[in-house]
Amino acid sequence: MSPPPLVVLEPVARDQVVVLDNLFELYAHDFSEYVPLDVKPTGRFDVTVGEQWWTRDDHFPFFIRWNGKLCGFALARKGSRVTGDADVMDVAEFFVVRGARGHGVGTGAAHALLAAFPGRWEIRARHANAPAIDFWSRALASWIGRAVSGSTVSFEGVDWEIFRVDAAERR
């Protein structure tokens, strides 16, 4: 049996925004299967992460590296988008490139994120995005050591599956 992959979260510096925006294009491509995103005349989606990730102290952008190679990002912030609870951590966006999927990279990155910010978390996935719901259900269950059920919430005209966990409950 091979050893688990070495997955590391690396804070994204402001001068690395171009790299993050490039990864965000790949994310938008994947996400266009679930939400109406159109390719612009430039051949790009032209969606960016936004300045708040460098101007607010409650926003935390990370690159995901697998055995030293860049393979995704995780954007976490303090505060619930759904309830307004200021003491909850929120996974705003999470992306692993297709070539790294199925190797434990996403789960390793999710676990690293939970470890970096002990306490209560909310993780949202659109109902239309069944693979994300399945991923988060498995990743959280392997962190907590038991099945984790989500709840359905309609917010901003979208049906979400929301998982609520306390990272300190780790088995």
N, C-alpha and C. Protein backbone atom coordinates (compact mmCIF):
# COMPACT_ATOMS: atom_id res chain seq x y z
N MET A 1 0.84 -1.19 0.00
CA MET A 1 0.00 0.00 0.00
C MET A 1 0.88 1.24 0.00
N SER A 2 0.55 2.22 -0.84
CA SER A 2 1.36 3.42 -0.94
C SER A 2 1.01 4.39 0.20
N PRO A 3 1.99 5.21 0.58
CA PRO A 3 1.72 6.17 1.65
C PRO A 3 0.72 7.22 1.18
N PRO A 4 0.02 7.86 2.13
CA PRO A 4 -0.93 8.91 1.72
C PRO A 4 -0.18 10.07 1.09
N PRO A 5 -0.84 10.81 0.22
CA PRO A 5 -0.17 11.93 -0.44
C PRO A 5 0.16 13.03 0.56
N LEU A 6 1.23 13.73 0.31
CA LEU A 6 1.58 14.88 1.13
C LEU A 6 0.81 16.09 0.58
N VAL A 7 -0.18 16.52 1.34
CA VAL A 7 -1.02 17.64 0.93
C VAL A 7 -0.77 18.79 1.90
N VAL A 8 -0.49 19.96 1.34
CA VAL A 8 -0.16 21.13 2.14
C VAL A 8 -1.01 22.31 1.68
N LEU A 9 -1.50 23.07 2.66
CA LEU A 9 -2.13 24.35 2.35
C LEU A 9 -1.07 25.43 2.47
N GLU A 10 -0.98 26.27 1.45
CA GLU A 10 0.01 27.35 1.42
C GLU A 10 -0.74 28.67 1.29
N PRO A 11 -0.57 29.59 2.25
CA PRO A 11 -1.26 30.88 2.12
C PRO A 11 -0.91 31.55 0.79
N VAL A 12 -1.93 32.15 0.18
CA VAL A 12 -1.73 32.85 -1.09
C VAL A 12 -1.36 34.29 -0.78
N ALA A 13 -0.20 34.72 -1.23
CA ALA A 13 0.24 36.11 -1.06
C ALA A 13 -0.43 36.99 -2.12
N ARG A 14 -0.57 38.24 -1.81
CA ARG A 14 -1.23 39.19 -2.73
C ARG A 14 -0.58 39.18 -4.11
N ASP A 15 0.74 39.03 -4.17
CA ASP A 15 1.41 39.06 -5.47
C ASP A 15 1.24 37.75 -6.25
N GLN A 16 0.49 36.79 -5.69
CA GLN A 16 0.20 35.53 -6.39
C GLN A 16 -1.24 35.49 -6.91
N VAL A 17 -1.91 36.64 -6.91
CA VAL A 17 -3.31 36.68 -7.32
C VAL A 17 -3.50 36.19 -8.75
N VAL A 18 -2.57 36.43 -9.64
CA VAL A 18 -2.69 35.98 -11.02
C VAL A 18 -2.76 34.46 -11.08
N VAL A 19 -1.95 33.80 -10.29
CA VAL A 19 -1.97 32.33 -10.25
C VAL A 19 -3.32 31.84 -9.73
N LEU A 20 -3.81 32.47 -8.66
CA LEU A 20 -5.10 32.08 -8.11
C LEU A 20 -6.22 32.34 -9.12
N ASP A 21 -6.18 33.47 -9.79
CA ASP A 21 -7.19 33.77 -10.81
C ASP A 21 -7.13 32.75 -11.96
N ASN A 22 -5.93 32.30 -12.32
CA ASN A 22 -5.82 31.27 -13.36
C ASN A 22 -6.49 29.97 -12.91
N LEU A 23 -6.25 29.58 -11.66
CA LEU A 23 -6.91 28.39 -11.13
C LEU A 23 -8.42 28.61 -11.05
N PHE A 24 -8.83 29.83 -10.75
CA PHE A 24 -10.25 30.13 -10.66
C PHE A 24 -10.95 29.95 -12.01
N GLU A 25 -10.23 30.18 -13.10
CA GLU A 25 -10.79 29.92 -14.43
C GLU A 25 -11.11 28.44 -14.61
N LEU A 26 -10.20 27.58 -14.14
CA LEU A 26 -10.45 26.14 -14.22
C LEU A 26 -11.64 25.76 -13.34
N TYR A 27 -11.72 26.36 -12.18
CA TYR A 27 -12.84 26.15 -11.26
C TYR A 27 -14.15 26.57 -11.92
N ALA A 28 -14.14 27.74 -12.56
CA ALA A 28 -15.34 28.23 -13.24
C ALA A 28 -15.74 27.26 -14.36
N HIS A 29 -14.76 26.74 -15.07
CA HIS A 29 -15.05 25.76 -16.12
C HIS A 29 -15.78 24.55 -15.54
N ASP A 30 -15.24 23.99 -14.47
CA ASP A 30 -15.89 22.84 -13.83
C ASP A 30 -17.27 23.22 -13.29
N PHE A 31 -17.36 24.39 -12.68
CA PHE A 31 -18.60 24.81 -12.03
C PHE A 31 -19.68 25.16 -13.04
N SER A 32 -19.30 25.46 -14.28
CA SER A 32 -20.28 25.82 -15.30
C SER A 32 -21.23 24.67 -15.62
N GLU A 33 -20.90 23.48 -15.15
CA GLU A 33 -21.80 22.34 -15.29
C GLU A 33 -23.02 22.49 -14.37
N TYR A 34 -22.86 23.27 -13.29
CA TYR A 34 -23.90 23.38 -12.26
C TYR A 34 -24.56 24.75 -12.18
N VAL A 35 -23.91 25.77 -12.69
CA VAL A 35 -24.47 27.13 -12.68
C VAL A 35 -24.30 27.75 -14.06
N PRO A 36 -25.15 28.67 -14.41
CA PRO A 36 -25.05 29.28 -15.74
C PRO A 36 -23.90 30.29 -15.83
N LEU A 37 -22.75 29.81 -16.25
CA LEU A 37 -21.59 30.68 -16.51
C LEU A 37 -21.28 30.62 -17.99
N ASP A 38 -21.16 31.76 -18.61
CA ASP A 38 -20.88 31.81 -20.04
C ASP A 38 -19.44 32.21 -20.29
N VAL A 39 -18.86 31.59 -21.31
CA VAL A 39 -17.53 31.97 -21.75
C VAL A 39 -17.65 33.31 -22.46
N LYS A 40 -16.77 34.23 -22.14
CA LYS A 40 -16.77 35.56 -22.75
C LYS A 40 -16.13 35.50 -24.14
N PRO A 41 -16.26 36.55 -24.93
CA PRO A 41 -15.64 36.57 -26.25
C PRO A 41 -14.12 36.36 -26.22
N THR A 42 -13.50 36.59 -25.05
CA THR A 42 -12.06 36.38 -24.91
C THR A 42 -11.70 34.90 -24.81
N GLY A 43 -12.73 34.03 -24.67
CA GLY A 43 -12.49 32.61 -24.48
C GLY A 43 -12.27 32.24 -23.02
N ARG A 44 -12.51 33.18 -22.14
CA ARG A 44 -12.36 32.96 -20.70
C ARG A 44 -13.70 33.23 -20.01
N PHE A 45 -13.81 32.75 -18.78
CA PHE A 45 -14.99 33.07 -17.98
C PHE A 45 -14.84 34.44 -17.33
N ASP A 46 -13.59 34.85 -17.12
CA ASP A 46 -13.26 36.15 -16.51
C ASP A 46 -13.93 36.35 -15.15
N VAL A 47 -13.90 35.32 -14.32
CA VAL A 47 -14.33 35.48 -12.93
C VAL A 47 -13.06 35.49 -12.08
N THR A 48 -13.05 36.34 -11.09
CA THR A 48 -11.88 36.45 -10.22
C THR A 48 -12.33 36.28 -8.77
N VAL A 49 -11.36 36.09 -7.90
CA VAL A 49 -11.69 35.84 -6.50
C VAL A 49 -12.07 37.11 -5.75
N GLY A 50 -11.61 38.28 -6.17
CA GLY A 50 -11.96 39.53 -5.52
C GLY A 50 -10.92 39.99 -4.51
N GLU A 51 -10.87 41.29 -4.33
CA GLU A 51 -9.89 41.94 -3.46
C GLU A 51 -10.05 41.62 -1.98
N GLN A 52 -11.26 41.25 -1.57
CA GLN A 52 -11.50 41.02 -0.15
C GLN A 52 -10.57 39.96 0.43
N TRP A 53 -10.04 39.09 -0.41
CA TRP A 53 -9.15 38.03 0.09
C TRP A 53 -7.81 38.57 0.55
N TRP A 54 -7.49 39.83 0.21
CA TRP A 54 -6.25 40.44 0.67
C TRP A 54 -6.48 41.67 1.52
N THR A 55 -7.70 42.17 1.56
CA THR A 55 -7.97 43.40 2.31
C THR A 55 -8.69 43.14 3.63
N ARG A 56 -9.19 41.95 3.84
CA ARG A 56 -9.93 41.64 5.07
C ARG A 56 -9.15 40.61 5.89
N ASP A 57 -9.12 40.81 7.19
CA ASP A 57 -8.37 39.88 8.04
C ASP A 57 -9.17 38.65 8.44
N ASP A 58 -10.42 38.53 7.94
CA ASP A 58 -11.23 37.35 8.22
C ASP A 58 -11.41 36.47 6.98
N HIS A 59 -10.58 36.70 5.97
CA HIS A 59 -10.58 35.91 4.73
C HIS A 59 -9.21 35.25 4.58
N PHE A 60 -9.22 33.94 4.24
CA PHE A 60 -7.99 33.17 4.23
C PHE A 60 -7.87 32.37 2.93
N PRO A 61 -7.08 32.86 1.98
CA PRO A 61 -6.89 32.13 0.71
C PRO A 61 -5.68 31.20 0.80
N PHE A 62 -5.83 29.98 0.30
CA PHE A 62 -4.75 28.99 0.31
C PHE A 62 -4.64 28.32 -1.05
N PHE A 63 -3.39 28.04 -1.45
CA PHE A 63 -3.15 27.11 -2.54
C PHE A 63 -3.12 25.72 -1.92
N ILE A 64 -3.51 24.73 -2.70
CA ILE A 64 -3.36 23.33 -2.30
C ILE A 64 -2.20 22.77 -3.11
N ARG A 65 -1.25 22.21 -2.39
CA ARG A 65 -0.10 21.56 -3.05
C ARG A 65 -0.11 20.08 -2.69
N TRP A 66 0.19 19.28 -3.69
CA TRP A 66 0.25 17.82 -3.53
C TRP A 66 1.64 17.38 -3.93
N ASN A 67 2.38 16.85 -2.96
CA ASN A 67 3.77 16.46 -3.20
C ASN A 67 4.54 17.60 -3.88
N GLY A 68 4.28 18.82 -3.41
CA GLY A 68 4.98 20.00 -3.90
C GLY A 68 4.37 20.66 -5.12
N LYS A 69 3.43 20.00 -5.79
CA LYS A 69 2.86 20.54 -7.02
C LYS A 69 1.56 21.29 -6.74
N LEU A 70 1.41 22.43 -7.35
CA LEU A 70 0.18 23.22 -7.24
C LEU A 70 -0.96 22.43 -7.87
N CYS A 71 -2.06 22.26 -7.13
CA CYS A 71 -3.16 21.48 -7.70
C CYS A 71 -4.54 21.98 -7.26
N GLY A 72 -4.62 23.17 -6.68
CA GLY A 72 -5.94 23.68 -6.32
C GLY A 72 -5.87 24.83 -5.34
N PHE A 73 -7.03 25.15 -4.79
CA PHE A 73 -7.10 26.23 -3.80
C PHE A 73 -8.26 25.98 -2.85
N ALA A 74 -8.16 26.62 -1.70
CA ALA A 74 -9.23 26.62 -0.71
C ALA A 74 -9.37 28.05 -0.21
N LEU A 75 -10.58 28.57 -0.22
CA LEU A 75 -10.85 29.90 0.28
C LEU A 75 -11.79 29.77 1.48
N ALA A 76 -11.30 30.17 2.64
CA ALA A 76 -12.09 30.08 3.87
C ALA A 76 -12.24 31.48 4.44
N ARG A 77 -13.36 31.69 5.12
CA ARG A 77 -13.58 32.99 5.76
C ARG A 77 -14.35 32.79 7.05
N LYS A 78 -14.22 33.78 7.89
CA LYS A 78 -14.94 33.74 9.16
C LYS A 78 -16.31 34.35 8.96
N GLY A 79 -17.32 33.68 9.48
CA GLY A 79 -18.69 34.19 9.40
C GLY A 79 -19.55 33.38 8.45
N SER A 80 -20.75 33.05 8.93
CA SER A 80 -21.70 32.28 8.13
C SER A 80 -22.37 33.13 7.09
N ARG A 81 -22.40 32.67 5.85
CA ARG A 81 -23.15 33.36 4.80
C ARG A 81 -24.64 33.14 4.96
N VAL A 82 -25.02 32.08 5.67
CA VAL A 82 -26.43 31.71 5.78
C VAL A 82 -27.10 32.32 7.01
N THR A 83 -26.46 32.18 8.18
CA THR A 83 -27.09 32.64 9.42
C THR A 83 -26.54 33.95 9.94
N GLY A 84 -25.38 34.36 9.43
CA GLY A 84 -24.75 35.58 9.94
C GLY A 84 -23.93 35.35 11.20
N ASP A 85 -23.85 34.12 11.67
CA ASP A 85 -23.07 33.79 12.87
C ASP A 85 -21.61 34.14 12.61
N ALA A 86 -21.08 35.08 13.38
CA ALA A 86 -19.72 35.57 13.17
C ALA A 86 -18.65 34.60 13.65
N ASP A 87 -19.02 33.61 14.45
CA ASP A 87 -18.03 32.71 15.03
C ASP A 87 -17.90 31.38 14.30
N VAL A 88 -18.41 31.30 13.10
CA VAL A 88 -18.34 30.09 12.29
C VAL A 88 -17.34 30.31 11.16
N MET A 89 -16.56 29.27 10.85
CA MET A 89 -15.71 29.33 9.66
C MET A 89 -16.51 28.78 8.48
N ASP A 90 -16.30 29.37 7.32
CA ASP A 90 -17.05 29.04 6.11
C ASP A 90 -16.08 28.68 4.99
N VAL A 91 -16.34 27.57 4.33
CA VAL A 91 -15.59 27.25 3.11
C VAL A 91 -16.28 27.99 1.98
N ALA A 92 -15.65 29.05 1.52
CA ALA A 92 -16.25 29.88 0.47
C ALA A 92 -16.12 29.19 -0.89
N GLU A 93 -14.93 28.68 -1.20
CA GLU A 93 -14.67 28.01 -2.47
C GLU A 93 -13.60 26.95 -2.21
N PHE A 94 -13.67 25.87 -2.96
CA PHE A 94 -12.72 24.77 -2.78
C PHE A 94 -12.57 24.08 -4.13
N PHE A 95 -11.33 23.89 -4.56
CA PHE A 95 -11.11 23.33 -5.90
C PHE A 95 -9.83 22.51 -5.94
N VAL A 96 -9.94 21.33 -6.53
CA VAL A 96 -8.78 20.46 -6.80
C VAL A 96 -8.84 20.13 -8.29
N VAL A 97 -7.72 20.30 -9.00
CA VAL A 97 -7.70 20.01 -10.43
C VAL A 97 -8.01 18.54 -10.66
N ARG A 98 -8.59 18.25 -11.80
CA ARG A 98 -9.08 16.90 -12.09
C ARG A 98 -7.99 15.84 -11.97
N GLY A 99 -6.80 16.13 -12.41
CA GLY A 99 -5.72 15.14 -12.37
C GLY A 99 -5.31 14.73 -10.96
N ALA A 100 -5.67 15.53 -9.96
CA ALA A 100 -5.33 15.22 -8.58
C ALA A 100 -6.50 14.60 -7.82
N ARG A 101 -7.66 14.56 -8.44
CA ARG A 101 -8.83 14.00 -7.77
C ARG A 101 -8.72 12.48 -7.70
N GLY A 102 -9.33 11.92 -6.66
CA GLY A 102 -9.32 10.48 -6.50
C GLY A 102 -8.03 9.94 -5.88
N HIS A 103 -7.17 10.83 -5.41
CA HIS A 103 -5.89 10.43 -4.81
C HIS A 103 -5.80 10.84 -3.34
N GLY A 104 -6.90 11.31 -2.76
CA GLY A 104 -6.88 11.74 -1.37
C GLY A 104 -6.46 13.19 -1.18
N VAL A 105 -6.23 13.90 -2.27
CA VAL A 105 -5.76 15.28 -2.18
C VAL A 105 -6.83 16.19 -1.59
N GLY A 106 -8.06 16.09 -2.10
CA GLY A 106 -9.13 16.94 -1.58
C GLY A 106 -9.39 16.68 -0.11
N THR A 107 -9.44 15.43 0.27
CA THR A 107 -9.67 15.09 1.68
C THR A 107 -8.52 15.60 2.54
N GLY A 108 -7.28 15.42 2.07
CA GLY A 108 -6.13 15.94 2.81
C GLY A 108 -6.19 17.44 2.98
N ALA A 109 -6.59 18.14 1.92
CA ALA A 109 -6.70 19.60 1.99
C ALA A 109 -7.84 20.02 2.92
N ALA A 110 -8.97 19.31 2.83
CA ALA A 110 -10.10 19.63 3.72
C ALA A 110 -9.70 19.43 5.18
N HIS A 111 -8.99 18.35 5.46
CA HIS A 111 -8.55 18.08 6.83
C HIS A 111 -7.54 19.13 7.29
N ALA A 112 -6.65 19.55 6.41
CA ALA A 112 -5.68 20.60 6.77
C ALA A 112 -6.40 21.91 7.08
N LEU A 113 -7.46 22.20 6.34
CA LEU A 113 -8.23 23.42 6.58
C LEU A 113 -8.92 23.36 7.94
N LEU A 114 -9.53 22.23 8.25
CA LEU A 114 -10.18 22.06 9.56
C LEU A 114 -9.17 22.16 10.69
N ALA A 115 -8.00 21.60 10.50
CA ALA A 115 -6.96 21.65 11.53
C ALA A 115 -6.43 23.07 11.73
N ALA A 116 -6.39 23.85 10.65
CA ALA A 116 -5.86 25.21 10.73
C ALA A 116 -6.78 26.15 11.51
N PHE A 117 -8.07 25.84 11.53
CA PHE A 117 -9.05 26.70 12.20
C PHE A 117 -9.96 25.85 13.07
N PRO A 118 -9.48 25.40 14.23
CA PRO A 118 -10.32 24.59 15.11
C PRO A 118 -11.58 25.36 15.50
N GLY A 119 -12.67 24.67 15.61
CA GLY A 119 -13.93 25.30 15.99
C GLY A 119 -15.03 24.92 15.03
N ARG A 120 -16.10 25.72 15.05
CA ARG A 120 -17.28 25.41 14.25
C ARG A 120 -17.10 25.83 12.80
N TRP A 121 -17.61 24.98 11.90
CA TRP A 121 -17.52 25.19 10.46
C TRP A 121 -18.88 25.00 9.82
N GLU A 122 -19.09 25.72 8.71
CA GLU A 122 -20.19 25.47 7.79
C GLU A 122 -19.59 25.26 6.41
N ILE A 123 -20.00 24.18 5.79
CA ILE A 123 -19.56 23.91 4.43
C ILE A 123 -20.81 23.78 3.58
N ARG A 124 -20.90 24.61 2.54
CA ARG A 124 -22.07 24.63 1.66
C ARG A 124 -21.73 23.99 0.32
N ALA A 125 -22.69 23.24 -0.21
CA ALA A 125 -22.56 22.73 -1.58
C ALA A 125 -23.93 22.85 -2.23
N ARG A 126 -23.94 23.34 -3.45
CA ARG A 126 -25.21 23.45 -4.18
C ARG A 126 -25.82 22.07 -4.35
N HIS A 127 -27.14 21.98 -4.22
CA HIS A 127 -27.81 20.71 -4.43
C HIS A 127 -27.53 20.16 -5.81
N ALA A 128 -27.38 21.02 -6.79
CA ALA A 128 -27.11 20.58 -8.15
C ALA A 128 -25.73 19.90 -8.27
N ASN A 129 -24.84 20.16 -7.33
CA ASN A 129 -23.48 19.65 -7.39
C ASN A 129 -23.35 18.42 -6.48
N ALA A 130 -23.94 17.31 -6.91
CA ALA A 130 -23.93 16.07 -6.12
C ALA A 130 -22.51 15.59 -5.81
N PRO A 131 -21.54 15.70 -6.74
CA PRO A 131 -20.18 15.25 -6.39
C PRO A 131 -19.60 16.03 -5.20
N ALA A 132 -19.89 17.32 -5.10
CA ALA A 132 -19.38 18.11 -3.97
C ALA A 132 -20.04 17.67 -2.67
N ILE A 133 -21.33 17.39 -2.71
CA ILE A 133 -22.03 16.91 -1.51
C ILE A 133 -21.43 15.59 -1.06
N ASP A 134 -21.20 14.69 -2.01
CA ASP A 134 -20.60 13.39 -1.67
C ASP A 134 -19.20 13.58 -1.10
N PHE A 135 -18.40 14.45 -1.74
CA PHE A 135 -17.04 14.69 -1.27
C PHE A 135 -17.04 15.19 0.17
N TRP A 136 -17.81 16.24 0.44
CA TRP A 136 -17.79 16.83 1.78
C TRP A 136 -18.34 15.87 2.82
N SER A 137 -19.33 15.10 2.47
CA SER A 137 -19.86 14.11 3.40
C SER A 137 -18.77 13.11 3.80
N ARG A 138 -18.02 12.61 2.82
CA ARG A 138 -16.93 11.66 3.09
C ARG A 138 -15.77 12.31 3.84
N ALA A 139 -15.35 13.49 3.39
CA ALA A 139 -14.20 14.17 4.01
C ALA A 139 -14.49 14.52 5.47
N LEU A 140 -15.69 15.00 5.74
CA LEU A 140 -16.04 15.36 7.12
C LEU A 140 -16.20 14.12 7.99
N ALA A 141 -16.79 13.07 7.44
CA ALA A 141 -16.94 11.83 8.20
C ALA A 141 -15.58 11.25 8.58
N SER A 142 -14.62 11.31 7.67
CA SER A 142 -13.30 10.77 7.99
C SER A 142 -12.56 11.65 9.00
N TRP A 143 -12.90 12.93 9.08
CA TRP A 143 -12.31 13.82 10.08
C TRP A 143 -12.94 13.58 11.45
N ILE A 144 -14.26 13.53 11.49
CA ILE A 144 -15.01 13.42 12.74
C ILE A 144 -15.03 11.97 13.26
N GLY A 145 -14.99 11.02 12.34
CA GLY A 145 -15.02 9.62 12.74
C GLY A 145 -16.42 9.04 12.80
N ARG A 146 -17.36 9.74 12.20
CA ARG A 146 -18.74 9.25 12.14
C ARG A 146 -19.41 9.93 10.96
N ALA A 147 -20.55 9.41 10.55
CA ALA A 147 -21.29 10.01 9.43
C ALA A 147 -21.71 11.44 9.81
N VAL A 148 -21.65 12.30 8.83
CA VAL A 148 -22.05 13.70 9.02
C VAL A 148 -23.17 13.99 8.03
N SER A 149 -24.32 14.36 8.55
CA SER A 149 -25.46 14.69 7.69
C SER A 149 -25.55 16.18 7.47
N GLY A 150 -25.94 16.53 6.28
CA GLY A 150 -26.17 17.93 5.97
C GLY A 150 -27.64 18.25 6.12
N SER A 151 -27.95 19.52 5.99
CA SER A 151 -29.34 19.96 6.00
C SER A 151 -29.55 20.85 4.78
N THR A 152 -30.77 20.85 4.27
CA THR A 152 -31.09 21.64 3.09
C THR A 152 -31.53 23.03 3.51
N VAL A 153 -30.96 24.03 2.86
CA VAL A 153 -31.31 25.42 3.11
C VAL A 153 -31.42 26.12 1.76
N SER A 154 -32.47 26.93 1.61
CA SER A 154 -32.57 27.79 0.43
C SER A 154 -32.06 29.16 0.82
N PHE A 155 -31.10 29.65 0.06
CA PHE A 155 -30.45 30.92 0.38
C PHE A 155 -30.06 31.60 -0.92
N GLU A 156 -30.42 32.86 -1.07
CA GLU A 156 -30.11 33.64 -2.27
C GLU A 156 -30.60 32.94 -3.54
N GLY A 157 -31.77 32.29 -3.44
CA GLY A 157 -32.37 31.64 -4.59
C GLY A 157 -31.73 30.32 -4.98
N VAL A 158 -30.90 29.77 -4.11
CA VAL A 158 -30.19 28.52 -4.41
C VAL A 158 -30.47 27.54 -3.28
N ASP A 159 -30.69 26.27 -3.64
CA ASP A 159 -30.81 25.22 -2.64
C ASP A 159 -29.42 24.68 -2.33
N TRP A 160 -29.08 24.70 -1.06
CA TRP A 160 -27.76 24.27 -0.59
C TRP A 160 -27.89 23.09 0.35
N GLU A 161 -26.90 22.25 0.35
CA GLU A 161 -26.70 21.26 1.40
C GLU A 161 -25.64 21.87 2.31
N ILE A 162 -25.96 22.02 3.59
CA ILE A 162 -25.02 22.64 4.52
C ILE A 162 -24.61 21.60 5.56
N PHE A 163 -23.31 21.43 5.67
CA PHE A 163 -22.75 20.57 6.70
C PHE A 163 -22.22 21.46 7.80
N ARG A 164 -22.60 21.14 9.01
CA ARG A 164 -22.13 21.90 10.17
C ARG A 164 -21.36 20.94 11.09
N VAL A 165 -20.11 21.29 11.34
CA VAL A 165 -19.27 20.44 12.19
C VAL A 165 -18.43 21.32 13.11
N ASP A 166 -17.97 20.70 14.18
CA ASP A 166 -16.99 21.33 15.04
C ASP A 166 -15.69 20.58 14.82
N ALA A 167 -14.69 21.26 14.29
CA ALA A 167 -13.42 20.61 13.95
C ALA A 167 -12.75 20.02 15.18
N ALA A 168 -13.10 20.51 16.37
CA ALA A 168 -12.52 19.97 17.60
C ALA A 168 -13.04 18.58 17.93
N GLU A 169 -14.11 18.14 17.24
CA GLU A 169 -14.68 16.80 17.46
C GLU A 169 -13.85 15.70 16.81
N ARG A 170 -12.72 16.03 16.29
CA ARG A 170 -11.91 15.05 15.54
C ARG A 170 -11.71 13.78 16.37
N ARG A 171 -11.87 12.66 15.71
CA ARG A 171 -11.72 11.37 16.40
C ARG A 171 -10.32 11.12 16.84
